[in-house]
N, C-alpha and C. Protein backbone atom coordinates (compact mmCIF):
# COMPACT_ATOMS: atom_id res chain seq x y z
N MET A 1 52.32 148.01 -52.29
CA MET A 1 52.76 148.40 -50.95
C MET A 1 53.71 149.59 -51.04
N GLU A 2 53.50 150.56 -50.18
CA GLU A 2 54.37 151.74 -50.16
C GLU A 2 55.74 151.37 -49.63
N THR A 3 56.78 151.85 -50.27
CA THR A 3 58.14 151.53 -49.86
C THR A 3 58.88 152.80 -49.43
N ASN A 4 59.89 152.59 -48.62
CA ASN A 4 60.73 153.69 -48.15
C ASN A 4 62.17 153.33 -48.50
N ASP A 5 62.78 154.06 -49.43
CA ASP A 5 64.13 153.75 -49.89
C ASP A 5 65.20 154.37 -49.01
N GLU A 6 64.83 155.19 -48.05
CA GLU A 6 65.80 155.82 -47.18
C GLU A 6 66.47 154.77 -46.29
N THR A 7 67.79 154.88 -46.13
CA THR A 7 68.53 153.92 -45.32
C THR A 7 68.85 154.53 -43.95
N ARG A 8 68.36 153.90 -42.92
CA ARG A 8 68.64 154.33 -41.55
C ARG A 8 70.00 153.79 -41.14
N VAL A 9 70.76 154.57 -40.37
CA VAL A 9 72.07 154.15 -39.91
C VAL A 9 72.00 153.87 -38.40
N ILE A 10 72.41 152.66 -38.03
CA ILE A 10 72.43 152.26 -36.62
C ILE A 10 73.87 152.36 -36.12
N GLU A 11 74.14 153.33 -35.28
CA GLU A 11 75.48 153.52 -34.73
C GLU A 11 75.67 152.67 -33.48
N ARG A 12 76.88 152.19 -33.29
CA ARG A 12 77.16 151.38 -32.11
C ARG A 12 77.12 152.23 -30.84
N ASN A 13 77.48 153.49 -30.94
CA ASN A 13 77.51 154.37 -29.78
C ASN A 13 76.16 155.06 -29.62
N PHE A 14 75.20 154.32 -29.11
CA PHE A 14 73.86 154.85 -28.88
C PHE A 14 73.83 155.57 -27.53
N ILE A 15 73.41 156.83 -27.53
CA ILE A 15 73.35 157.61 -26.30
C ILE A 15 71.89 157.89 -25.96
N PRO A 16 71.31 157.11 -25.05
CA PRO A 16 69.90 157.30 -24.71
C PRO A 16 69.67 158.49 -23.80
N GLU A 17 68.47 159.03 -23.85
CA GLU A 17 68.08 160.09 -22.93
C GLU A 17 67.67 159.52 -21.58
N VAL A 18 67.15 158.31 -21.60
CA VAL A 18 66.63 157.69 -20.39
C VAL A 18 66.79 156.18 -20.51
N ALA A 19 67.03 155.52 -19.38
CA ALA A 19 67.08 154.06 -19.33
C ALA A 19 65.87 153.56 -18.56
N VAL A 20 65.27 152.49 -19.07
CA VAL A 20 64.15 151.85 -18.39
C VAL A 20 64.61 150.50 -17.85
N LEU A 21 64.45 150.29 -16.57
CA LEU A 21 64.79 149.02 -15.95
C LEU A 21 63.50 148.23 -15.74
N ALA A 22 63.37 147.12 -16.48
CA ALA A 22 62.20 146.26 -16.34
C ALA A 22 62.45 145.24 -15.23
N ASP A 23 61.41 144.50 -14.89
CA ASP A 23 61.48 143.61 -13.73
C ASP A 23 61.75 142.17 -14.13
N GLY A 24 62.65 141.98 -15.13
CA GLY A 24 63.13 140.64 -15.45
C GLY A 24 64.37 140.34 -14.63
N ASP A 25 65.27 139.53 -15.18
CA ASP A 25 66.53 139.29 -14.48
C ASP A 25 67.35 140.58 -14.44
N TYR A 26 67.88 140.88 -13.26
CA TYR A 26 68.70 142.09 -13.13
C TYR A 26 69.97 141.91 -13.94
N PRO A 27 70.38 142.92 -14.72
CA PRO A 27 71.55 142.76 -15.60
C PRO A 27 72.84 142.49 -14.83
N SER A 28 73.70 141.66 -15.45
CA SER A 28 75.00 141.35 -14.84
C SER A 28 76.15 141.63 -15.80
N SER A 29 75.86 141.75 -17.10
CA SER A 29 76.90 142.02 -18.09
C SER A 29 77.29 143.50 -18.07
N HIS A 30 78.52 143.80 -18.54
CA HIS A 30 79.05 145.16 -18.41
C HIS A 30 78.27 146.18 -19.24
N ILE A 31 77.72 145.77 -20.39
CA ILE A 31 77.03 146.75 -21.23
C ILE A 31 75.74 147.24 -20.59
N PRO A 32 74.77 146.37 -20.25
CA PRO A 32 73.55 146.89 -19.62
C PRO A 32 73.83 147.55 -18.27
N CYS A 33 74.83 147.05 -17.53
CA CYS A 33 75.16 147.69 -16.25
C CYS A 33 75.72 149.09 -16.47
N ALA A 34 76.49 149.25 -17.56
CA ALA A 34 77.03 150.57 -17.88
C ALA A 34 75.91 151.53 -18.27
N VAL A 35 74.89 151.01 -18.96
CA VAL A 35 73.74 151.84 -19.30
C VAL A 35 73.09 152.38 -18.05
N LEU A 36 72.86 151.51 -17.07
CA LEU A 36 72.24 151.94 -15.83
C LEU A 36 73.13 152.92 -15.07
N GLY A 37 74.45 152.73 -15.18
CA GLY A 37 75.35 153.58 -14.42
C GLY A 37 75.62 154.93 -15.05
N LYS A 38 75.50 155.03 -16.38
CA LYS A 38 75.88 156.25 -17.07
C LYS A 38 74.70 157.14 -17.44
N VAL A 39 73.53 156.55 -17.69
CA VAL A 39 72.37 157.37 -18.07
C VAL A 39 71.83 158.07 -16.83
N PRO A 40 71.72 159.38 -16.85
CA PRO A 40 71.35 160.11 -15.63
C PRO A 40 69.91 159.91 -15.19
N PHE A 41 69.03 159.50 -16.11
CA PHE A 41 67.62 159.33 -15.79
C PHE A 41 67.26 157.86 -15.95
N VAL A 42 67.00 157.18 -14.83
CA VAL A 42 66.59 155.78 -14.85
C VAL A 42 65.16 155.68 -14.35
N ALA A 43 64.30 155.10 -15.17
CA ALA A 43 62.92 154.85 -14.79
C ALA A 43 62.74 153.36 -14.53
N CYS A 44 62.15 153.02 -13.41
CA CYS A 44 61.97 151.62 -13.04
C CYS A 44 60.52 151.19 -13.22
N CYS A 45 60.36 149.98 -13.72
CA CYS A 45 59.04 149.38 -13.83
C CYS A 45 58.70 148.73 -12.50
N ASP A 46 57.89 149.37 -11.73
CA ASP A 46 57.33 148.82 -10.50
C ASP A 46 58.38 148.12 -9.64
N GLY A 47 58.30 146.78 -9.51
CA GLY A 47 59.16 146.04 -8.59
C GLY A 47 60.62 146.07 -8.91
N ALA A 48 61.02 146.48 -10.12
CA ALA A 48 62.43 146.55 -10.48
C ALA A 48 63.19 147.54 -9.60
N VAL A 49 62.46 148.45 -8.98
CA VAL A 49 63.13 149.47 -8.16
C VAL A 49 63.85 148.84 -6.97
N ASP A 50 63.33 147.75 -6.43
CA ASP A 50 63.97 147.14 -5.27
C ASP A 50 65.37 146.63 -5.63
N SER A 51 65.50 145.99 -6.78
CA SER A 51 66.81 145.50 -7.22
C SER A 51 67.75 146.65 -7.53
N PHE A 52 67.21 147.70 -8.14
CA PHE A 52 68.04 148.85 -8.52
C PHE A 52 68.58 149.56 -7.28
N VAL A 53 67.75 149.75 -6.30
CA VAL A 53 68.18 150.41 -5.05
C VAL A 53 69.18 149.52 -4.31
N ALA A 54 68.94 148.21 -4.30
CA ALA A 54 69.86 147.29 -3.64
C ALA A 54 71.24 147.31 -4.29
N ASP A 55 71.28 147.67 -5.59
CA ASP A 55 72.54 147.75 -6.33
C ASP A 55 73.18 149.13 -6.21
N GLY A 56 72.58 150.00 -5.43
CA GLY A 56 73.16 151.33 -5.21
C GLY A 56 72.58 152.43 -6.07
N GLY A 57 71.53 152.12 -6.87
CA GLY A 57 70.95 153.11 -7.76
C GLY A 57 69.85 153.94 -7.11
N THR A 58 69.58 155.08 -7.73
CA THR A 58 68.48 155.94 -7.28
C THR A 58 67.59 156.24 -8.47
N PRO A 59 66.37 155.74 -8.48
CA PRO A 59 65.47 155.97 -9.63
C PRO A 59 65.00 157.40 -9.70
N ARG A 60 64.73 157.85 -10.92
CA ARG A 60 64.12 159.18 -11.12
C ARG A 60 62.61 159.07 -11.32
N LEU A 61 62.15 157.85 -11.66
CA LEU A 61 60.73 157.64 -11.93
C LEU A 61 60.43 156.16 -11.72
N ILE A 62 59.24 155.88 -11.16
CA ILE A 62 58.75 154.52 -10.98
C ILE A 62 57.34 154.47 -11.54
N VAL A 63 57.08 153.52 -12.44
CA VAL A 63 55.76 153.43 -13.08
C VAL A 63 55.19 152.04 -12.87
N GLY A 64 53.93 151.97 -12.51
CA GLY A 64 53.23 150.70 -12.33
C GLY A 64 52.11 150.85 -11.32
N ASP A 65 51.53 149.71 -10.94
CA ASP A 65 50.44 149.79 -9.97
C ASP A 65 50.95 149.83 -8.54
N GLY A 66 52.25 149.64 -8.34
CA GLY A 66 52.84 149.80 -7.03
C GLY A 66 52.76 148.61 -6.11
N ASP A 67 52.16 147.50 -6.56
CA ASP A 67 51.94 146.37 -5.66
C ASP A 67 53.16 145.46 -5.53
N SER A 68 54.21 145.70 -6.34
CA SER A 68 55.40 144.84 -6.29
C SER A 68 56.58 145.52 -5.62
N ILE A 69 56.39 146.72 -5.11
CA ILE A 69 57.47 147.47 -4.47
C ILE A 69 57.46 147.21 -2.98
N SER A 70 58.63 147.11 -2.39
CA SER A 70 58.70 146.93 -0.94
C SER A 70 58.10 148.14 -0.23
N ASP A 71 57.61 147.92 0.97
CA ASP A 71 57.03 149.02 1.74
C ASP A 71 58.05 150.13 1.95
N GLU A 72 59.30 149.74 2.22
CA GLU A 72 60.33 150.74 2.46
C GLU A 72 60.53 151.65 1.25
N ASN A 73 60.67 151.05 0.06
CA ASN A 73 60.89 151.86 -1.13
C ASN A 73 59.62 152.57 -1.59
N ARG A 74 58.46 151.99 -1.32
CA ARG A 74 57.22 152.67 -1.67
C ARG A 74 57.09 153.97 -0.89
N ASN A 75 57.49 153.94 0.37
CA ASN A 75 57.44 155.15 1.18
C ASN A 75 58.57 156.12 0.82
N ARG A 76 59.76 155.58 0.58
CA ARG A 76 60.92 156.42 0.28
C ARG A 76 60.75 157.18 -1.03
N PHE A 77 60.16 156.53 -2.03
CA PHE A 77 60.05 157.14 -3.35
C PHE A 77 58.60 157.47 -3.73
N SER A 78 57.78 157.71 -2.76
CA SER A 78 56.36 157.94 -3.02
C SER A 78 56.12 159.13 -3.96
N SER A 79 57.01 160.10 -3.94
CA SER A 79 56.80 161.32 -4.74
C SER A 79 57.07 161.11 -6.22
N ILE A 80 57.75 159.99 -6.59
CA ILE A 80 58.06 159.78 -8.01
C ILE A 80 57.36 158.54 -8.57
N ILE A 81 56.43 157.97 -7.81
CA ILE A 81 55.68 156.81 -8.28
C ILE A 81 54.48 157.27 -9.09
N VAL A 82 54.39 156.80 -10.33
CA VAL A 82 53.23 157.07 -11.18
C VAL A 82 52.43 155.78 -11.26
N LYS A 83 51.27 155.77 -10.61
CA LYS A 83 50.45 154.56 -10.57
C LYS A 83 49.51 154.51 -11.78
N ILE A 84 49.64 153.44 -12.53
CA ILE A 84 48.77 153.21 -13.69
C ILE A 84 48.18 151.82 -13.51
N SER A 85 46.95 151.74 -13.12
CA SER A 85 46.36 150.46 -12.71
C SER A 85 45.73 149.67 -13.84
N GLU A 86 45.52 150.27 -15.02
CA GLU A 86 44.85 149.53 -16.10
C GLU A 86 45.67 148.31 -16.50
N GLN A 87 44.97 147.26 -16.95
CA GLN A 87 45.59 145.97 -17.22
C GLN A 87 45.73 145.65 -18.70
N GLU A 88 45.49 146.61 -19.58
CA GLU A 88 45.57 146.37 -21.02
C GLU A 88 47.02 146.28 -21.51
N THR A 89 47.95 146.90 -20.78
CA THR A 89 49.37 146.87 -21.15
C THR A 89 50.19 146.47 -19.93
N ASN A 90 51.43 146.03 -20.18
CA ASN A 90 52.30 145.67 -19.06
C ASN A 90 53.04 146.90 -18.54
N ASP A 91 53.80 146.71 -17.46
CA ASP A 91 54.48 147.84 -16.83
C ASP A 91 55.53 148.46 -17.74
N LEU A 92 56.16 147.64 -18.60
CA LEU A 92 57.16 148.18 -19.51
C LEU A 92 56.52 149.17 -20.48
N THR A 93 55.40 148.79 -21.05
CA THR A 93 54.71 149.70 -21.99
C THR A 93 54.17 150.92 -21.28
N LYS A 94 53.68 150.75 -20.06
CA LYS A 94 53.21 151.90 -19.29
C LYS A 94 54.35 152.89 -19.06
N THR A 95 55.52 152.36 -18.76
CA THR A 95 56.68 153.22 -18.50
C THR A 95 57.12 153.94 -19.76
N VAL A 96 57.25 153.20 -20.87
CA VAL A 96 57.68 153.81 -22.12
C VAL A 96 56.67 154.86 -22.59
N THR A 97 55.39 154.55 -22.49
CA THR A 97 54.35 155.50 -22.91
C THR A 97 54.39 156.77 -22.07
N HIS A 98 54.59 156.60 -20.76
CA HIS A 98 54.66 157.78 -19.89
C HIS A 98 55.89 158.62 -20.21
N LEU A 99 57.01 157.97 -20.48
CA LEU A 99 58.23 158.70 -20.83
C LEU A 99 58.03 159.47 -22.13
N LYS A 100 57.34 158.87 -23.08
CA LYS A 100 57.06 159.59 -24.33
C LYS A 100 56.23 160.84 -24.06
N SER A 101 55.26 160.73 -23.15
CA SER A 101 54.42 161.88 -22.81
C SER A 101 55.24 163.00 -22.17
N LEU A 102 56.39 162.62 -21.59
CA LEU A 102 57.29 163.62 -20.98
C LEU A 102 58.28 164.18 -21.99
N GLY A 103 58.25 163.65 -23.22
CA GLY A 103 59.11 164.18 -24.28
C GLY A 103 60.34 163.36 -24.58
N TYR A 104 60.52 162.22 -23.94
CA TYR A 104 61.70 161.38 -24.20
C TYR A 104 61.47 160.50 -25.42
N LYS A 105 62.48 160.44 -26.30
CA LYS A 105 62.33 159.67 -27.54
C LYS A 105 63.52 158.75 -27.83
N ARG A 106 64.57 158.81 -27.01
CA ARG A 106 65.72 157.90 -27.16
C ARG A 106 65.83 157.10 -25.86
N ILE A 107 65.39 155.84 -25.93
CA ILE A 107 65.21 155.05 -24.72
C ILE A 107 65.98 153.74 -24.81
N ALA A 108 66.73 153.42 -23.76
CA ALA A 108 67.40 152.12 -23.62
C ALA A 108 66.64 151.30 -22.58
N ILE A 109 66.36 150.05 -22.92
CA ILE A 109 65.64 149.16 -22.01
C ILE A 109 66.59 148.06 -21.55
N VAL A 110 66.66 147.84 -20.24
CA VAL A 110 67.47 146.76 -19.68
C VAL A 110 66.61 145.97 -18.71
N GLY A 111 67.04 144.75 -18.39
CA GLY A 111 66.31 143.94 -17.43
C GLY A 111 64.97 143.44 -17.93
N ALA A 112 64.79 143.34 -19.25
CA ALA A 112 63.48 142.96 -19.81
C ALA A 112 63.42 141.50 -20.21
N THR A 113 64.51 140.75 -20.01
CA THR A 113 64.52 139.34 -20.36
C THR A 113 64.80 138.52 -19.10
N GLY A 114 64.67 137.19 -19.24
CA GLY A 114 64.87 136.32 -18.09
C GLY A 114 63.57 136.07 -17.34
N LYS A 115 63.67 135.30 -16.27
CA LYS A 115 62.51 134.88 -15.49
C LYS A 115 61.52 134.16 -16.40
N ARG A 116 60.31 134.65 -16.58
CA ARG A 116 59.32 133.94 -17.41
C ARG A 116 59.57 134.17 -18.89
N GLU A 117 59.64 133.06 -19.65
CA GLU A 117 59.94 133.16 -21.07
C GLU A 117 58.83 133.86 -21.85
N ASP A 118 57.57 133.72 -21.43
CA ASP A 118 56.48 134.39 -22.14
C ASP A 118 56.59 135.89 -21.99
N HIS A 119 57.02 136.36 -20.80
CA HIS A 119 57.22 137.80 -20.62
C HIS A 119 58.40 138.29 -21.46
N THR A 120 59.44 137.47 -21.54
CA THR A 120 60.60 137.83 -22.36
C THR A 120 60.20 138.03 -23.81
N LEU A 121 59.47 137.06 -24.39
CA LEU A 121 59.05 137.18 -25.78
C LEU A 121 58.13 138.38 -25.98
N GLY A 122 57.23 138.60 -25.05
CA GLY A 122 56.33 139.74 -25.15
C GLY A 122 57.08 141.06 -25.12
N ASN A 123 58.05 141.18 -24.20
CA ASN A 123 58.82 142.42 -24.09
C ASN A 123 59.62 142.70 -25.35
N ILE A 124 60.24 141.66 -25.91
CA ILE A 124 61.03 141.84 -27.13
C ILE A 124 60.15 142.29 -28.28
N SER A 125 58.99 141.66 -28.44
CA SER A 125 58.10 142.02 -29.55
C SER A 125 57.56 143.43 -29.42
N LEU A 126 57.48 143.94 -28.19
CA LEU A 126 56.96 145.29 -27.97
C LEU A 126 57.86 146.36 -28.55
N LEU A 127 59.12 146.02 -28.83
CA LEU A 127 60.03 147.01 -29.42
C LEU A 127 59.49 147.55 -30.74
N LEU A 128 58.80 146.72 -31.50
CA LEU A 128 58.22 147.17 -32.77
C LEU A 128 57.11 148.20 -32.53
N GLU A 129 56.34 148.01 -31.47
CA GLU A 129 55.29 148.98 -31.15
C GLU A 129 55.90 150.31 -30.70
N TYR A 130 56.97 150.23 -29.92
CA TYR A 130 57.62 151.46 -29.47
C TYR A 130 58.22 152.22 -30.65
N MET A 131 58.79 151.48 -31.61
CA MET A 131 59.30 152.13 -32.82
C MET A 131 58.18 152.82 -33.57
N ALA A 132 57.02 152.18 -33.66
CA ALA A 132 55.87 152.77 -34.34
C ALA A 132 55.37 154.02 -33.62
N MET A 133 55.67 154.15 -32.33
CA MET A 133 55.30 155.33 -31.55
C MET A 133 56.27 156.49 -31.80
N GLY A 134 57.31 156.26 -32.61
CA GLY A 134 58.28 157.31 -32.88
C GLY A 134 59.45 157.34 -31.92
N ILE A 135 59.68 156.23 -31.21
CA ILE A 135 60.75 156.16 -30.22
C ILE A 135 61.94 155.43 -30.80
N ASP A 136 63.13 155.99 -30.61
CA ASP A 136 64.38 155.34 -30.97
C ASP A 136 64.76 154.49 -29.77
N VAL A 137 64.56 153.18 -29.88
CA VAL A 137 64.65 152.30 -28.71
C VAL A 137 65.57 151.12 -29.00
N ARG A 138 66.28 150.70 -27.95
CA ARG A 138 67.09 149.49 -28.00
C ARG A 138 66.92 148.74 -26.69
N MET A 139 66.99 147.42 -26.77
CA MET A 139 66.88 146.58 -25.58
C MET A 139 68.20 145.84 -25.36
N TYR A 140 68.84 146.12 -24.24
CA TYR A 140 70.13 145.52 -23.92
C TYR A 140 69.95 144.34 -22.98
N THR A 141 70.45 143.16 -23.40
CA THR A 141 70.45 141.99 -22.55
C THR A 141 71.87 141.75 -22.05
N ASP A 142 72.11 140.65 -21.36
CA ASP A 142 73.46 140.34 -20.91
C ASP A 142 74.34 139.84 -22.05
N TYR A 143 73.75 139.61 -23.23
CA TYR A 143 74.51 139.02 -24.33
C TYR A 143 74.56 139.88 -25.58
N GLY A 144 73.61 140.77 -25.75
CA GLY A 144 73.57 141.58 -26.95
C GLY A 144 72.44 142.58 -26.89
N VAL A 145 72.13 143.17 -28.04
CA VAL A 145 71.14 144.24 -28.11
C VAL A 145 70.13 143.95 -29.21
N PHE A 146 68.86 144.16 -28.91
CA PHE A 146 67.77 144.06 -29.88
C PHE A 146 67.46 145.45 -30.41
N ILE A 147 67.33 145.56 -31.74
CA ILE A 147 67.01 146.84 -32.37
C ILE A 147 65.86 146.63 -33.35
N PRO A 148 64.75 147.37 -33.21
CA PRO A 148 63.66 147.27 -34.18
C PRO A 148 63.95 148.12 -35.41
N VAL A 149 63.58 147.61 -36.58
CA VAL A 149 63.90 148.30 -37.83
C VAL A 149 62.69 148.24 -38.76
N ASP A 150 62.52 149.30 -39.54
CA ASP A 150 61.50 149.34 -40.58
C ASP A 150 62.18 149.79 -41.87
N GLY A 151 62.34 148.89 -42.84
CA GLY A 151 62.94 149.25 -44.12
C GLY A 151 64.44 149.02 -44.14
N ASN A 152 65.12 149.82 -44.97
CA ASN A 152 66.55 149.66 -45.18
C ASN A 152 67.35 150.18 -43.99
N CYS A 153 68.45 149.48 -43.66
CA CYS A 153 69.23 149.90 -42.50
C CYS A 153 70.69 149.49 -42.66
N GLU A 154 71.59 150.38 -42.21
CA GLU A 154 73.01 150.10 -42.19
C GLU A 154 73.48 150.06 -40.74
N PHE A 155 74.25 149.03 -40.38
CA PHE A 155 74.66 148.82 -39.01
C PHE A 155 76.18 148.94 -38.88
N GLU A 156 76.63 149.72 -37.90
CA GLU A 156 78.03 149.67 -37.52
C GLU A 156 78.26 148.34 -36.80
N SER A 157 79.35 147.65 -37.13
CA SER A 157 79.55 146.30 -36.65
C SER A 157 81.03 146.03 -36.45
N PHE A 158 81.39 144.75 -36.40
CA PHE A 158 82.79 144.32 -36.39
C PHE A 158 82.83 142.90 -36.96
N PRO A 159 83.92 142.53 -37.62
CA PRO A 159 84.00 141.18 -38.19
C PRO A 159 83.84 140.11 -37.12
N GLY A 160 82.96 139.16 -37.39
CA GLY A 160 82.70 138.09 -36.45
C GLY A 160 81.54 138.34 -35.52
N GLN A 161 80.96 139.54 -35.54
CA GLN A 161 79.80 139.81 -34.70
C GLN A 161 78.65 138.90 -35.10
N GLN A 162 78.03 138.26 -34.12
CA GLN A 162 76.91 137.38 -34.38
C GLN A 162 75.63 138.20 -34.54
N VAL A 163 74.88 137.87 -35.58
CA VAL A 163 73.71 138.66 -35.97
C VAL A 163 72.53 137.73 -36.20
N SER A 164 71.38 138.08 -35.62
CA SER A 164 70.14 137.35 -35.90
C SER A 164 69.07 138.33 -36.32
N ILE A 165 68.28 137.94 -37.32
CA ILE A 165 67.22 138.79 -37.86
C ILE A 165 65.88 138.08 -37.70
N PHE A 166 64.92 138.76 -37.11
CA PHE A 166 63.59 138.21 -36.90
C PHE A 166 62.59 139.04 -37.69
N SER A 167 62.01 138.42 -38.70
CA SER A 167 61.10 139.15 -39.59
C SER A 167 59.69 139.19 -39.04
N PHE A 168 59.07 140.35 -39.15
CA PHE A 168 57.66 140.52 -38.80
C PHE A 168 56.91 140.98 -40.05
N GLY A 169 56.96 140.12 -41.08
CA GLY A 169 56.27 140.41 -42.33
C GLY A 169 57.11 141.17 -43.35
N ALA A 170 58.40 141.36 -43.09
CA ALA A 170 59.25 142.07 -44.04
C ALA A 170 59.45 141.23 -45.30
N ILE A 171 59.53 141.89 -46.44
CA ILE A 171 59.73 141.20 -47.71
C ILE A 171 60.90 141.82 -48.46
N GLY A 172 61.41 141.08 -49.46
CA GLY A 172 62.52 141.58 -50.26
C GLY A 172 63.80 141.73 -49.46
N MET A 173 64.04 140.86 -48.49
CA MET A 173 65.19 141.01 -47.60
C MET A 173 66.48 140.62 -48.31
N TYR A 174 67.45 141.52 -48.21
CA TYR A 174 68.76 141.32 -48.82
C TYR A 174 69.80 141.96 -47.93
N ALA A 175 70.97 141.32 -47.82
CA ALA A 175 72.03 141.85 -46.95
C ALA A 175 73.34 141.97 -47.70
N ASP A 176 74.12 142.95 -47.33
CA ASP A 176 75.48 143.11 -47.83
C ASP A 176 76.40 143.22 -46.61
N GLY A 177 77.38 142.31 -46.50
CA GLY A 177 78.28 142.33 -45.38
C GLY A 177 78.01 141.25 -44.35
N LEU A 178 76.99 140.42 -44.58
CA LEU A 178 76.73 139.28 -43.70
C LEU A 178 77.21 137.99 -44.36
N LYS A 179 77.55 137.02 -43.55
CA LYS A 179 78.12 135.76 -44.06
C LYS A 179 77.12 134.96 -44.87
N TYR A 180 75.85 134.96 -44.45
CA TYR A 180 74.85 134.13 -45.11
C TYR A 180 73.77 135.02 -45.74
N PRO A 181 73.24 134.63 -46.91
CA PRO A 181 72.23 135.45 -47.58
C PRO A 181 70.91 135.44 -46.82
N LEU A 182 70.14 136.49 -47.01
CA LEU A 182 68.81 136.58 -46.41
C LEU A 182 67.75 136.22 -47.43
N SER A 183 66.57 135.91 -46.93
CA SER A 183 65.41 135.66 -47.79
C SER A 183 64.19 136.14 -47.03
N ASP A 184 63.03 135.96 -47.62
CA ASP A 184 61.79 136.36 -46.94
C ASP A 184 61.41 135.26 -45.95
N PHE A 185 61.92 135.39 -44.74
CA PHE A 185 61.76 134.35 -43.73
C PHE A 185 60.28 134.15 -43.37
N THR A 186 59.92 132.89 -43.17
CA THR A 186 58.56 132.57 -42.75
C THR A 186 58.51 132.08 -41.30
N ASN A 187 59.70 131.92 -40.68
CA ASN A 187 59.76 131.50 -39.28
C ASN A 187 60.96 132.18 -38.63
N TRP A 188 60.85 132.45 -37.33
CA TRP A 188 61.88 133.23 -36.66
C TRP A 188 63.27 132.58 -36.71
N TRP A 189 63.35 131.26 -36.61
CA TRP A 189 64.65 130.61 -36.53
C TRP A 189 65.47 130.78 -37.81
N GLN A 190 64.79 131.05 -38.93
CA GLN A 190 65.47 131.09 -40.21
C GLN A 190 66.47 132.24 -40.34
N GLY A 191 66.30 133.28 -39.59
CA GLY A 191 67.20 134.42 -39.69
C GLY A 191 68.24 134.48 -38.59
N THR A 192 68.34 133.43 -37.78
CA THR A 192 69.29 133.44 -36.67
C THR A 192 70.67 132.93 -37.11
N LEU A 193 71.66 133.15 -36.26
CA LEU A 193 73.01 132.59 -36.42
C LEU A 193 73.72 133.07 -37.68
N ASN A 194 73.53 134.33 -38.03
CA ASN A 194 74.29 134.94 -39.11
C ASN A 194 75.53 135.61 -38.51
N GLU A 195 76.35 136.21 -39.35
CA GLU A 195 77.60 136.78 -38.86
C GLU A 195 78.06 137.92 -39.75
N SER A 196 78.51 139.00 -39.10
CA SER A 196 79.03 140.14 -39.85
C SER A 196 80.45 139.84 -40.34
N GLU A 197 80.74 140.25 -41.58
CA GLU A 197 82.07 140.04 -42.15
C GLU A 197 82.89 141.33 -42.22
N LYS A 198 82.27 142.46 -41.89
CA LYS A 198 82.93 143.74 -42.06
C LYS A 198 82.67 144.64 -40.84
N ASN A 199 83.14 145.87 -40.93
CA ASN A 199 82.85 146.85 -39.89
C ASN A 199 81.48 147.49 -40.04
N ARG A 200 80.83 147.19 -41.15
CA ARG A 200 79.46 147.63 -41.40
C ARG A 200 78.75 146.57 -42.22
N PHE A 201 77.45 146.46 -42.05
CA PHE A 201 76.65 145.65 -42.96
C PHE A 201 75.30 146.33 -43.16
N THR A 202 74.66 146.04 -44.27
CA THR A 202 73.37 146.64 -44.57
C THR A 202 72.32 145.57 -44.78
N ILE A 203 71.10 145.91 -44.43
CA ILE A 203 69.94 145.07 -44.71
C ILE A 203 68.94 145.90 -45.48
N SER A 204 68.53 145.41 -46.63
CA SER A 204 67.49 146.06 -47.43
C SER A 204 66.22 145.24 -47.32
N ALA A 205 65.10 145.89 -47.06
CA ALA A 205 63.82 145.19 -46.91
C ALA A 205 62.68 146.18 -46.94
N THR A 206 61.52 145.67 -47.20
CA THR A 206 60.29 146.44 -47.05
C THR A 206 59.49 145.82 -45.91
N GLY A 207 59.31 146.57 -44.85
CA GLY A 207 58.58 146.05 -43.69
C GLY A 207 59.44 146.05 -42.44
N LYS A 208 58.89 145.45 -41.40
CA LYS A 208 59.50 145.52 -40.06
C LYS A 208 60.19 144.23 -39.67
N TYR A 209 61.29 144.39 -38.93
CA TYR A 209 62.03 143.24 -38.43
C TYR A 209 62.86 143.66 -37.22
N LEU A 210 63.30 142.68 -36.45
CA LEU A 210 64.17 142.91 -35.31
C LEU A 210 65.55 142.36 -35.61
N VAL A 211 66.58 143.08 -35.19
CA VAL A 211 67.96 142.62 -35.35
C VAL A 211 68.58 142.48 -33.96
N PHE A 212 69.24 141.33 -33.74
CA PHE A 212 69.96 141.10 -32.48
C PHE A 212 71.44 141.05 -32.79
N LEU A 213 72.23 141.86 -32.08
CA LEU A 213 73.67 141.95 -32.28
C LEU A 213 74.38 141.61 -30.98
N THR A 214 75.34 140.69 -31.04
CA THR A 214 76.09 140.35 -29.83
C THR A 214 77.14 141.43 -29.54
N TYR A 215 77.57 141.49 -28.29
CA TYR A 215 78.58 142.45 -27.88
C TYR A 215 79.96 141.97 -28.33
N GLU A 216 80.88 142.91 -28.47
CA GLU A 216 82.26 142.58 -28.77
C GLU A 216 82.94 142.10 -27.50
N LYS A 217 83.66 140.98 -27.58
CA LYS A 217 84.31 140.43 -26.39
C LYS A 217 85.55 141.23 -26.06
């Protein structure tokens, strides 16, 4: 198997070019709300625009088939609605793919969890596909952030930060700076409930995995 010895650095201060608001539970925590408030370009997945507008936001782009948007907002924002009716992908992937076609490569996703659990799991797993598309992507929930990784990675952290690792076929997993040792996990639960002991920690591996980091209180 081909290996990549280069170590990617994950900085805590991620500055996205665009934020994508999915149609899960609308964010209530300060971090995802700050993302929506500070990023100048917010793209909404179809029906998410109604919640965003009700919260005082103004979308720059709306992507989807348009059937979940209120009549008022469909008329108000008709000039920025990109209708993609095919059913092979969900609205989140349609939005991310369209943004990539516009040249955006640093994307923050919010509002992608909650409501139906099957949609939540699907949205989280899609982060690996977006990474494979060449996008630097993170998904912010009300509790922490999901980051897709391929190979070796160093994370800016803080002592006591809760860390979970979900392997998607990664092998040779080893960590420095985490409380508990890693192994080649065969089930998702095995990499959960770890903890950072330093201001940085590293994970060495061959293959792809997801890392979940809780916010600092």
